[in-house]
Amino acid sequence: MAEASRTDLSDLMRKRRAQLGLTLRELASRCVDPQDPDAGSKWTHATLANLESKTIKAPDVSKLRALAKGLDLPLRLVQEAAGVQYFGIDTAWSDDGETRTLVHHYWELSPEDRAKVQAMIEVWGSMGRRDDAP
């Protein structure tokens, strides 16, 4: 199964934690869901260690928000990494970075099929921009 071999979220967390110079305990204390700060940290240092070693179940959106906050990263980056690692879902973006879609195993598609997906994204994106125009 392809999903089991991907480690995007684990790798993202490990790399960003090293960049920030944080211990697992320090990171855990920073991992507070910005939509529910009174709930406190959503992660323990032990669970973060397990995430780095790729041995936990998929975290829910509240935990992803908290992890994004703790790592000082945009939520979309953390969500995309989790989507790939746990569900085999890749994010494909329009050339202008304004439109995205989720595609199961996007990088396993042929180059021709990826080009078709990319063309659809460009069309969808341009339609939305026309709708927003005055």
N, C-alpha and C. Protein backbone atom coordinates (compact mmCIF):
# COMPACT_ATOMS: atom_id res chain seq x y z
N MET A 1 0.84 -1.18 0.00
CA MET A 1 0.00 0.00 0.00
C MET A 1 0.89 1.24 0.00
N ALA A 2 0.68 2.17 -0.92
CA ALA A 2 1.53 3.34 -1.10
C ALA A 2 1.51 4.27 0.11
N GLU A 3 0.35 4.40 0.77
CA GLU A 3 0.22 5.33 1.87
C GLU A 3 1.23 5.03 2.98
N ALA A 4 1.47 3.77 3.26
CA ALA A 4 2.33 3.39 4.37
C ALA A 4 3.77 3.81 4.13
N SER A 5 4.18 3.95 2.87
CA SER A 5 5.56 4.27 2.58
C SER A 5 5.85 5.76 2.58
N ARG A 6 4.83 6.59 2.57
CA ARG A 6 5.03 8.04 2.55
C ARG A 6 5.21 8.56 3.97
N THR A 7 6.10 9.50 4.14
CA THR A 7 6.40 10.04 5.47
C THR A 7 6.40 11.58 5.45
N ASP A 8 5.59 12.17 4.61
CA ASP A 8 5.63 13.62 4.40
C ASP A 8 5.42 14.43 5.68
N LEU A 9 4.42 14.09 6.47
CA LEU A 9 4.17 14.85 7.70
C LEU A 9 5.29 14.62 8.71
N SER A 10 5.71 13.40 8.88
CA SER A 10 6.82 13.10 9.79
C SER A 10 8.08 13.86 9.38
N ASP A 11 8.37 13.85 8.09
CA ASP A 11 9.56 14.54 7.59
C ASP A 11 9.45 16.05 7.77
N LEU A 12 8.26 16.60 7.47
CA LEU A 12 8.04 18.04 7.63
C LEU A 12 8.26 18.44 9.08
N MET A 13 7.69 17.68 10.00
CA MET A 13 7.82 18.00 11.42
C MET A 13 9.28 17.90 11.88
N ARG A 14 9.94 16.85 11.51
CA ARG A 14 11.34 16.63 11.93
C ARG A 14 12.23 17.77 11.42
N LYS A 15 12.07 18.13 10.14
CA LYS A 15 12.89 19.18 9.54
C LYS A 15 12.60 20.54 10.18
N ARG A 16 11.32 20.89 10.33
CA ARG A 16 10.97 22.19 10.89
C ARG A 16 11.36 22.30 12.36
N ARG A 17 11.20 21.22 13.11
CA ARG A 17 11.60 21.24 14.53
C ARG A 17 13.10 21.50 14.65
N ALA A 18 13.88 20.88 13.77
CA ALA A 18 15.33 21.10 13.77
C ALA A 18 15.65 22.55 13.40
N GLN A 19 14.95 23.10 12.41
CA GLN A 19 15.17 24.50 12.02
C GLN A 19 14.90 25.45 13.18
N LEU A 20 13.85 25.16 13.94
CA LEU A 20 13.48 26.01 15.06
C LEU A 20 14.31 25.72 16.32
N GLY A 21 15.06 24.62 16.31
CA GLY A 21 15.88 24.25 17.46
C GLY A 21 15.07 23.87 18.68
N LEU A 22 13.93 23.21 18.46
CA LEU A 22 13.03 22.86 19.56
C LEU A 22 13.21 21.41 19.98
N THR A 23 13.11 21.18 21.28
CA THR A 23 13.02 19.81 21.77
C THR A 23 11.57 19.36 21.56
N LEU A 24 11.33 18.08 21.72
CA LEU A 24 9.96 17.58 21.61
C LEU A 24 9.07 18.18 22.70
N ARG A 25 9.59 18.34 23.89
CA ARG A 25 8.80 18.95 24.97
C ARG A 25 8.47 20.41 24.65
N GLU A 26 9.43 21.15 24.11
CA GLU A 26 9.18 22.54 23.75
C GLU A 26 8.13 22.64 22.64
N LEU A 27 8.26 21.77 21.65
CA LEU A 27 7.28 21.77 20.57
C LEU A 27 5.90 21.43 21.11
N ALA A 28 5.82 20.43 21.96
CA ALA A 28 4.52 20.03 22.51
C ALA A 28 3.85 21.21 23.21
N SER A 29 4.60 22.00 23.94
CA SER A 29 4.00 23.13 24.65
C SER A 29 3.50 24.21 23.69
N ARG A 30 4.05 24.26 22.49
CA ARG A 30 3.64 25.25 21.48
C ARG A 30 2.44 24.79 20.66
N CYS A 31 2.13 23.51 20.70
CA CYS A 31 1.09 22.92 19.84
C CYS A 31 -0.30 23.10 20.44
N VAL A 32 -0.79 24.32 20.34
CA VAL A 32 -2.11 24.69 20.85
C VAL A 32 -2.97 25.07 19.65
N ASP A 33 -4.15 24.51 19.57
CA ASP A 33 -5.07 24.83 18.48
C ASP A 33 -5.46 26.31 18.59
N PRO A 34 -5.13 27.13 17.59
CA PRO A 34 -5.46 28.56 17.68
C PRO A 34 -6.97 28.82 17.74
N GLN A 35 -7.78 27.86 17.32
CA GLN A 35 -9.23 28.03 17.40
C GLN A 35 -9.78 27.63 18.77
N ASP A 36 -8.96 26.99 19.60
CA ASP A 36 -9.37 26.58 20.94
C ASP A 36 -8.18 26.66 21.89
N PRO A 37 -7.62 27.85 22.09
CA PRO A 37 -6.40 27.96 22.90
C PRO A 37 -6.59 27.57 24.36
N ASP A 38 -7.81 27.68 24.88
CA ASP A 38 -8.04 27.33 26.28
C ASP A 38 -7.92 25.82 26.54
N ALA A 39 -7.96 25.03 25.49
CA ALA A 39 -7.84 23.58 25.64
C ALA A 39 -6.41 23.15 25.91
N GLY A 40 -5.46 24.06 25.71
CA GLY A 40 -4.06 23.72 25.96
C GLY A 40 -3.46 22.91 24.82
N SER A 41 -2.33 22.34 25.08
CA SER A 41 -1.61 21.60 24.05
C SER A 41 -2.41 20.37 23.58
N LYS A 42 -2.39 20.16 22.28
CA LYS A 42 -3.08 19.01 21.69
C LYS A 42 -2.13 17.81 21.53
N TRP A 43 -0.85 18.02 21.82
CA TRP A 43 0.15 16.97 21.61
C TRP A 43 1.00 16.81 22.86
N THR A 44 1.36 15.58 23.15
CA THR A 44 2.37 15.32 24.19
C THR A 44 3.71 15.12 23.48
N HIS A 45 4.78 15.27 24.23
CA HIS A 45 6.09 15.05 23.61
C HIS A 45 6.24 13.61 23.13
N ALA A 46 5.63 12.66 23.83
CA ALA A 46 5.73 11.26 23.45
C ALA A 46 4.99 11.00 22.12
N THR A 47 3.82 11.61 21.96
CA THR A 47 3.07 11.43 20.71
C THR A 47 3.81 12.09 19.55
N LEU A 48 4.42 13.24 19.78
CA LEU A 48 5.22 13.89 18.74
C LEU A 48 6.41 13.01 18.35
N ALA A 49 7.02 12.37 19.34
CA ALA A 49 8.13 11.44 19.05
C ALA A 49 7.62 10.29 18.17
N ASN A 50 6.42 9.81 18.48
CA ASN A 50 5.84 8.74 17.66
C ASN A 50 5.53 9.24 16.25
N LEU A 51 5.07 10.48 16.13
CA LEU A 51 4.83 11.04 14.81
C LEU A 51 6.12 11.10 14.01
N GLU A 52 7.19 11.53 14.64
CA GLU A 52 8.47 11.57 13.94
C GLU A 52 8.91 10.18 13.50
N SER A 53 8.56 9.17 14.26
CA SER A 53 8.95 7.81 13.89
C SER A 53 7.85 7.10 13.08
N LYS A 54 6.82 7.85 12.72
CA LYS A 54 5.76 7.39 11.82
C LYS A 54 4.88 6.28 12.41
N THR A 55 4.66 6.30 13.72
CA THR A 55 3.90 5.21 14.33
C THR A 55 2.59 5.64 14.97
N ILE A 56 1.99 6.72 14.49
CA ILE A 56 0.69 7.11 15.04
C ILE A 56 -0.36 7.08 13.95
N LYS A 57 -1.62 7.05 14.40
CA LYS A 57 -2.75 7.13 13.46
C LYS A 57 -2.88 8.56 12.97
N ALA A 58 -3.63 8.74 11.91
CA ALA A 58 -3.82 10.08 11.33
C ALA A 58 -4.40 11.04 12.37
N PRO A 59 -3.77 12.19 12.55
CA PRO A 59 -4.30 13.18 13.50
C PRO A 59 -5.52 13.90 12.94
N ASP A 60 -6.41 14.35 13.83
CA ASP A 60 -7.58 15.09 13.38
C ASP A 60 -7.20 16.55 13.07
N VAL A 61 -8.14 17.30 12.54
CA VAL A 61 -7.85 18.66 12.08
C VAL A 61 -7.44 19.58 13.23
N SER A 62 -7.99 19.40 14.40
CA SER A 62 -7.60 20.21 15.55
C SER A 62 -6.13 19.99 15.88
N LYS A 63 -5.70 18.74 15.84
CA LYS A 63 -4.29 18.44 16.11
C LYS A 63 -3.40 18.98 15.00
N LEU A 64 -3.88 18.95 13.75
CA LEU A 64 -3.09 19.51 12.65
C LEU A 64 -2.96 21.02 12.79
N ARG A 65 -4.04 21.70 13.20
CA ARG A 65 -3.96 23.15 13.44
C ARG A 65 -2.95 23.44 14.54
N ALA A 66 -3.00 22.66 15.62
CA ALA A 66 -2.08 22.85 16.73
C ALA A 66 -0.64 22.59 16.31
N LEU A 67 -0.42 21.56 15.52
CA LEU A 67 0.93 21.26 15.04
C LEU A 67 1.43 22.37 14.14
N ALA A 68 0.58 22.89 13.27
CA ALA A 68 0.97 24.00 12.39
C ALA A 68 1.38 25.21 13.24
N LYS A 69 0.60 25.48 14.29
CA LYS A 69 0.92 26.59 15.19
C LYS A 69 2.25 26.34 15.88
N GLY A 70 2.43 25.14 16.39
CA GLY A 70 3.68 24.81 17.10
C GLY A 70 4.90 24.89 16.21
N LEU A 71 4.75 24.52 14.95
CA LEU A 71 5.86 24.55 14.00
C LEU A 71 5.97 25.89 13.28
N ASP A 72 5.02 26.78 13.55
CA ASP A 72 5.00 28.10 12.91
C ASP A 72 5.00 27.94 11.38
N LEU A 73 4.06 27.13 10.92
CA LEU A 73 3.90 26.86 9.49
C LEU A 73 2.45 27.10 9.09
N PRO A 74 2.20 27.40 7.82
CA PRO A 74 0.81 27.51 7.36
C PRO A 74 0.09 26.17 7.51
N LEU A 75 -1.16 26.21 7.93
CA LEU A 75 -1.94 24.99 8.11
C LEU A 75 -1.98 24.16 6.83
N ARG A 76 -2.10 24.80 5.68
CA ARG A 76 -2.21 24.05 4.42
C ARG A 76 -1.00 23.14 4.19
N LEU A 77 0.20 23.56 4.61
CA LEU A 77 1.38 22.71 4.43
C LEU A 77 1.29 21.46 5.29
N VAL A 78 0.83 21.63 6.52
CA VAL A 78 0.70 20.50 7.44
C VAL A 78 -0.42 19.57 6.95
N GLN A 79 -1.54 20.15 6.50
CA GLN A 79 -2.64 19.33 5.99
C GLN A 79 -2.22 18.54 4.74
N GLU A 80 -1.50 19.19 3.85
CA GLU A 80 -1.06 18.50 2.64
C GLU A 80 -0.13 17.34 2.97
N ALA A 81 0.80 17.57 3.89
CA ALA A 81 1.72 16.50 4.28
C ALA A 81 0.97 15.34 4.93
N ALA A 82 -0.01 15.65 5.77
CA ALA A 82 -0.81 14.60 6.40
C ALA A 82 -1.63 13.85 5.36
N GLY A 83 -2.20 14.58 4.41
CA GLY A 83 -2.99 13.93 3.35
C GLY A 83 -2.18 12.92 2.57
N VAL A 84 -0.95 13.29 2.27
CA VAL A 84 -0.08 12.37 1.53
C VAL A 84 0.31 11.18 2.40
N GLN A 85 0.78 11.46 3.62
CA GLN A 85 1.29 10.39 4.47
C GLN A 85 0.21 9.40 4.87
N TYR A 86 -0.96 9.90 5.22
CA TYR A 86 -1.97 9.01 5.78
C TYR A 86 -3.02 8.53 4.78
N PHE A 87 -3.23 9.29 3.71
CA PHE A 87 -4.33 8.94 2.82
C PHE A 87 -3.91 8.80 1.35
N GLY A 88 -2.64 9.04 1.04
CA GLY A 88 -2.19 8.93 -0.34
C GLY A 88 -2.80 9.99 -1.24
N ILE A 89 -3.16 11.14 -0.66
CA ILE A 89 -3.80 12.22 -1.42
C ILE A 89 -2.79 13.33 -1.62
N ASP A 90 -2.49 13.62 -2.88
CA ASP A 90 -1.58 14.70 -3.21
C ASP A 90 -2.38 15.95 -3.56
N THR A 91 -1.79 17.11 -3.33
CA THR A 91 -2.41 18.37 -3.70
C THR A 91 -1.77 18.85 -4.99
N ALA A 92 -2.59 19.15 -5.97
CA ALA A 92 -2.11 19.72 -7.23
C ALA A 92 -2.56 21.17 -7.27
N TRP A 93 -1.64 22.07 -7.58
CA TRP A 93 -1.91 23.51 -7.59
C TRP A 93 -1.91 24.07 -9.00
N SER A 94 -2.68 25.13 -9.21
CA SER A 94 -2.63 25.86 -10.47
C SER A 94 -1.29 26.57 -10.57
N ASP A 95 -0.92 26.98 -11.76
CA ASP A 95 0.37 27.65 -11.95
C ASP A 95 0.48 28.93 -11.14
N ASP A 96 -0.65 29.62 -10.93
CA ASP A 96 -0.60 30.88 -10.17
C ASP A 96 -0.73 30.66 -8.66
N GLY A 97 -0.89 29.42 -8.22
CA GLY A 97 -0.96 29.11 -6.80
C GLY A 97 -2.26 29.51 -6.13
N GLU A 98 -3.28 29.83 -6.92
CA GLU A 98 -4.55 30.28 -6.37
C GLU A 98 -5.59 29.16 -6.25
N THR A 99 -5.45 28.11 -7.04
CA THR A 99 -6.44 27.04 -7.08
C THR A 99 -5.74 25.72 -6.81
N ARG A 100 -6.39 24.86 -6.02
CA ARG A 100 -5.81 23.55 -5.75
C ARG A 100 -6.89 22.49 -5.79
N THR A 101 -6.47 21.27 -5.99
CA THR A 101 -7.36 20.13 -5.91
C THR A 101 -6.61 18.97 -5.28
N LEU A 102 -7.34 18.07 -4.69
CA LEU A 102 -6.75 16.88 -4.09
C LEU A 102 -6.93 15.72 -5.05
N VAL A 103 -5.86 15.00 -5.29
CA VAL A 103 -5.87 13.90 -6.25
C VAL A 103 -5.22 12.69 -5.60
N HIS A 104 -5.96 11.59 -5.58
CA HIS A 104 -5.43 10.36 -5.01
C HIS A 104 -4.26 9.87 -5.85
N HIS A 105 -3.08 9.76 -5.27
CA HIS A 105 -1.86 9.28 -5.92
C HIS A 105 -1.52 10.07 -7.19
N TYR A 106 -1.59 11.39 -7.10
CA TYR A 106 -1.31 12.27 -8.24
C TYR A 106 0.02 11.95 -8.90
N TRP A 107 1.06 11.77 -8.11
CA TRP A 107 2.39 11.56 -8.68
C TRP A 107 2.57 10.17 -9.29
N GLU A 108 1.60 9.31 -9.10
CA GLU A 108 1.64 8.00 -9.75
C GLU A 108 0.94 8.02 -11.11
N LEU A 109 0.25 9.12 -11.42
CA LEU A 109 -0.39 9.27 -12.73
C LEU A 109 0.67 9.44 -13.81
N SER A 110 0.30 9.11 -15.02
CA SER A 110 1.22 9.33 -16.14
C SER A 110 1.39 10.84 -16.34
N PRO A 111 2.47 11.26 -16.98
CA PRO A 111 2.64 12.69 -17.25
C PRO A 111 1.47 13.28 -18.05
N GLU A 112 0.90 12.50 -18.93
CA GLU A 112 -0.24 12.97 -19.72
C GLU A 112 -1.46 13.21 -18.83
N ASP A 113 -1.71 12.28 -17.91
CA ASP A 113 -2.86 12.43 -17.01
C ASP A 113 -2.64 13.58 -16.02
N ARG A 114 -1.40 13.77 -15.55
CA ARG A 114 -1.12 14.91 -14.68
C ARG A 114 -1.35 16.22 -15.43
N ALA A 115 -1.00 16.26 -16.72
CA ALA A 115 -1.22 17.46 -17.53
C ALA A 115 -2.72 17.74 -17.67
N LYS A 116 -3.52 16.69 -17.79
CA LYS A 116 -4.98 16.87 -17.88
C LYS A 116 -5.53 17.45 -16.58
N VAL A 117 -5.05 16.94 -15.45
CA VAL A 117 -5.49 17.47 -14.16
C VAL A 117 -5.08 18.93 -14.06
N GLN A 118 -3.86 19.23 -14.45
CA GLN A 118 -3.36 20.61 -14.38
C GLN A 118 -4.21 21.53 -15.26
N ALA A 119 -4.59 21.07 -16.44
CA ALA A 119 -5.43 21.88 -17.33
C ALA A 119 -6.79 22.15 -16.70
N MET A 120 -7.36 21.14 -16.04
CA MET A 120 -8.65 21.34 -15.36
C MET A 120 -8.52 22.37 -14.24
N ILE A 121 -7.44 22.30 -13.48
CA ILE A 121 -7.24 23.25 -12.39
C ILE A 121 -7.15 24.67 -12.95
N GLU A 122 -6.43 24.83 -14.04
CA GLU A 122 -6.29 26.16 -14.65
C GLU A 122 -7.66 26.69 -15.08
N VAL A 123 -8.50 25.84 -15.67
CA VAL A 123 -9.83 26.27 -16.10
C VAL A 123 -10.68 26.64 -14.90
N TRP A 124 -10.68 25.79 -13.86
CA TRP A 124 -11.47 26.07 -12.66
C TRP A 124 -11.02 27.38 -12.03
N GLY A 125 -9.72 27.58 -11.95
CA GLY A 125 -9.20 28.81 -11.36
C GLY A 125 -9.59 30.04 -12.13
N SER A 126 -9.51 29.97 -13.45
CA SER A 126 -9.86 31.14 -14.25
C SER A 126 -11.35 31.43 -14.17
N MET A 127 -12.17 30.41 -14.03
CA MET A 127 -13.62 30.62 -13.89
C MET A 127 -13.92 31.37 -12.59
N GLY A 128 -13.25 31.00 -11.51
CA GLY A 128 -13.47 31.66 -10.24
C GLY A 128 -13.02 33.11 -10.27
N ARG A 129 -11.90 33.39 -10.94
CA ARG A 129 -11.43 34.76 -11.03
C ARG A 129 -12.38 35.62 -11.85
N ARG A 130 -12.99 35.05 -12.89
CA ARG A 130 -13.97 35.80 -13.70
C ARG A 130 -15.21 36.10 -12.88
N ASP A 131 -15.61 35.14 -12.01
CA ASP A 131 -16.78 35.36 -11.16
C ASP A 131 -16.56 36.47 -10.15
N ASP A 132 -15.31 36.66 -9.73
CA ASP A 132 -14.99 37.68 -8.73
C ASP A 132 -14.78 39.06 -9.35
N ALA A 133 -14.63 39.12 -10.66
CA ALA A 133 -14.34 40.41 -11.32
C ALA A 133 -15.55 41.34 -11.23
N PRO A 134 -15.27 42.67 -11.09
CA PRO A 134 -16.38 43.63 -11.00
C PRO A 134 -17.11 43.78 -12.32
